[in-house]
Amino acid sequence: MRYLFYYYNHEGMLVFNYRDDYGRHIHMRYLYYSFRSALRKFRQDYNLQHKKIVIHSLY
């Protein structure tokens, strides 16, 4: 199962923490992106466009 946890830090930056069953861990930050466009860019950058990802907000 793939999980994506996100939150906005104190600077207003969107932070993604991605984890999957294979031990892959990705920590990314996006500034000046909406949630939807940041998610789209993240999926494109890591070739996850057609993969099922469970998304959770941390805060």
N, C-alpha and C. Protein backbone atom coordinates (compact mmCIF):
# COMPACT_ATOMS: atom_id res chain seq x y z
N MET A 1 0.85 -1.17 0.00
CA MET A 1 0.00 0.00 0.00
C MET A 1 0.89 1.24 0.00
N ARG A 2 0.48 2.24 -0.71
CA ARG A 2 1.23 3.50 -0.79
C ARG A 2 0.50 4.55 0.05
N TYR A 3 1.26 5.30 0.83
CA TYR A 3 0.69 6.33 1.69
C TYR A 3 1.36 7.67 1.42
N LEU A 4 0.57 8.71 1.40
CA LEU A 4 1.07 10.07 1.27
C LEU A 4 0.48 10.88 2.41
N PHE A 5 1.34 11.38 3.28
CA PHE A 5 0.94 12.24 4.38
C PHE A 5 1.33 13.66 4.01
N TYR A 6 0.46 14.61 4.29
CA TYR A 6 0.79 15.99 3.95
C TYR A 6 0.39 16.93 5.09
N TYR A 7 1.06 18.05 5.12
CA TYR A 7 0.74 19.11 6.07
C TYR A 7 1.35 20.41 5.56
N TYR A 8 0.90 21.51 6.11
CA TYR A 8 1.48 22.82 5.83
C TYR A 8 2.34 23.21 7.02
N ASN A 9 3.59 23.55 6.78
CA ASN A 9 4.47 23.92 7.89
C ASN A 9 4.25 25.38 8.28
N HIS A 10 5.01 25.87 9.25
CA HIS A 10 4.81 27.23 9.78
C HIS A 10 5.12 28.31 8.76
N GLU A 11 5.82 27.98 7.67
CA GLU A 11 6.13 28.95 6.61
C GLU A 11 5.09 28.93 5.49
N GLY A 12 4.08 28.08 5.63
CA GLY A 12 3.04 27.98 4.62
C GLY A 12 3.40 27.05 3.47
N MET A 13 4.45 26.28 3.64
CA MET A 13 4.91 25.36 2.61
C MET A 13 4.19 24.02 2.75
N LEU A 14 3.76 23.47 1.64
CA LEU A 14 3.11 22.17 1.62
C LEU A 14 4.19 21.08 1.66
N VAL A 15 4.08 20.16 2.61
CA VAL A 15 5.08 19.11 2.80
C VAL A 15 4.43 17.76 2.57
N PHE A 16 5.04 16.95 1.70
CA PHE A 16 4.59 15.59 1.42
C PHE A 16 5.57 14.59 2.00
N ASN A 17 5.07 13.58 2.68
CA ASN A 17 5.86 12.43 3.12
C ASN A 17 5.22 11.20 2.50
N TYR A 18 5.96 10.55 1.60
CA TYR A 18 5.45 9.40 0.86
C TYR A 18 6.16 8.15 1.34
N ARG A 19 5.42 7.06 1.46
CA ARG A 19 5.97 5.79 1.89
C ARG A 19 5.25 4.66 1.16
N ASP A 20 5.98 3.63 0.77
CA ASP A 20 5.34 2.47 0.16
C ASP A 20 5.84 1.18 0.81
N ASP A 21 5.31 0.05 0.34
CA ASP A 21 5.64 -1.26 0.92
C ASP A 21 7.08 -1.69 0.68
N TYR A 22 7.73 -1.10 -0.31
CA TYR A 22 9.09 -1.50 -0.67
C TYR A 22 10.15 -0.73 0.10
N GLY A 23 9.73 0.07 1.07
CA GLY A 23 10.68 0.83 1.88
C GLY A 23 11.07 2.16 1.28
N ARG A 24 10.46 2.51 0.18
CA ARG A 24 10.76 3.79 -0.46
C ARG A 24 10.14 4.91 0.35
N HIS A 25 10.93 5.93 0.64
CA HIS A 25 10.46 7.07 1.42
C HIS A 25 10.89 8.35 0.70
N ILE A 26 9.92 9.23 0.47
CA ILE A 26 10.20 10.49 -0.22
C ILE A 26 9.64 11.62 0.63
N HIS A 27 10.44 12.63 0.83
CA HIS A 27 10.04 13.82 1.58
C HIS A 27 10.20 15.01 0.64
N MET A 28 9.09 15.65 0.27
CA MET A 28 9.13 16.77 -0.67
C MET A 28 8.41 17.97 -0.09
N ARG A 29 8.86 19.15 -0.49
CA ARG A 29 8.22 20.41 -0.08
C ARG A 29 7.86 21.21 -1.32
N TYR A 30 6.70 21.83 -1.27
CA TYR A 30 6.22 22.64 -2.39
C TYR A 30 5.81 24.01 -1.88
N LEU A 31 6.36 25.03 -2.48
CA LEU A 31 6.03 26.41 -2.15
C LEU A 31 5.35 27.03 -3.36
N TYR A 32 4.30 27.79 -3.14
CA TYR A 32 3.53 28.45 -4.20
C TYR A 32 2.79 27.47 -5.09
N TYR A 33 2.43 26.31 -4.57
CA TYR A 33 1.61 25.34 -5.29
C TYR A 33 0.32 25.10 -4.50
N SER A 34 -0.78 24.95 -5.21
CA SER A 34 -1.99 24.50 -4.54
C SER A 34 -1.82 23.01 -4.26
N PHE A 35 -2.68 22.47 -3.41
CA PHE A 35 -2.56 21.05 -3.10
C PHE A 35 -2.71 20.20 -4.35
N ARG A 36 -3.70 20.51 -5.15
CA ARG A 36 -3.97 19.72 -6.35
C ARG A 36 -2.81 19.76 -7.35
N SER A 37 -2.25 20.93 -7.60
CA SER A 37 -1.15 21.03 -8.56
C SER A 37 0.13 20.41 -7.99
N ALA A 38 0.35 20.52 -6.68
CA ALA A 38 1.52 19.88 -6.07
C ALA A 38 1.40 18.36 -6.14
N LEU A 39 0.21 17.83 -5.91
CA LEU A 39 -0.01 16.39 -6.01
C LEU A 39 0.21 15.91 -7.44
N ARG A 40 -0.28 16.66 -8.40
CA ARG A 40 -0.08 16.31 -9.81
C ARG A 40 1.40 16.29 -10.16
N LYS A 41 2.14 17.31 -9.72
CA LYS A 41 3.58 17.38 -10.00
C LYS A 41 4.32 16.24 -9.31
N PHE A 42 3.98 15.94 -8.07
CA PHE A 42 4.61 14.84 -7.33
C PHE A 42 4.40 13.51 -8.06
N ARG A 43 3.16 13.25 -8.49
CA ARG A 43 2.87 12.01 -9.21
C ARG A 43 3.65 11.93 -10.52
N GLN A 44 3.75 13.03 -11.24
CA GLN A 44 4.50 13.04 -12.50
C GLN A 44 5.99 12.83 -12.26
N ASP A 45 6.55 13.51 -11.26
CA ASP A 45 7.98 13.43 -11.00
C ASP A 45 8.43 12.04 -10.59
N TYR A 46 7.57 11.30 -9.90
CA TYR A 46 7.94 9.97 -9.39
C TYR A 46 7.19 8.84 -10.08
N ASN A 47 6.60 9.14 -11.24
CA ASN A 47 5.94 8.13 -12.08
C ASN A 47 4.86 7.36 -11.30
N LEU A 48 4.00 8.09 -10.62
CA LEU A 48 2.93 7.50 -9.83
C LEU A 48 1.54 7.93 -10.33
N GLN A 49 1.43 8.33 -11.61
CA GLN A 49 0.17 8.87 -12.12
C GLN A 49 -0.99 7.89 -11.99
N HIS A 50 -0.77 6.63 -12.28
CA HIS A 50 -1.86 5.67 -12.31
C HIS A 50 -1.81 4.68 -11.16
N LYS A 51 -1.15 5.05 -10.08
CA LYS A 51 -1.03 4.19 -8.90
C LYS A 51 -2.00 4.66 -7.83
N LYS A 52 -2.54 3.73 -7.08
CA LYS A 52 -3.44 4.07 -5.98
C LYS A 52 -2.60 4.50 -4.77
N ILE A 53 -2.89 5.68 -4.24
CA ILE A 53 -2.18 6.22 -3.08
C ILE A 53 -3.22 6.66 -2.06
N VAL A 54 -3.05 6.21 -0.82
CA VAL A 54 -3.91 6.65 0.28
C VAL A 54 -3.34 7.96 0.81
N ILE A 55 -4.17 9.01 0.83
CA ILE A 55 -3.71 10.34 1.21
C ILE A 55 -4.31 10.71 2.55
N HIS A 56 -3.44 11.16 3.48
CA HIS A 56 -3.87 11.57 4.83
C HIS A 56 -3.29 12.92 5.17
N SER A 57 -4.09 13.75 5.81
CA SER A 57 -3.62 15.01 6.34
C SER A 57 -3.10 14.77 7.76
N LEU A 58 -1.95 15.33 8.09
CA LEU A 58 -1.40 15.15 9.42
C LEU A 58 -1.96 16.14 10.42
N TYR A 59 -2.33 17.34 9.97
CA TYR A 59 -2.83 18.35 10.90
C TYR A 59 -4.14 18.90 10.41
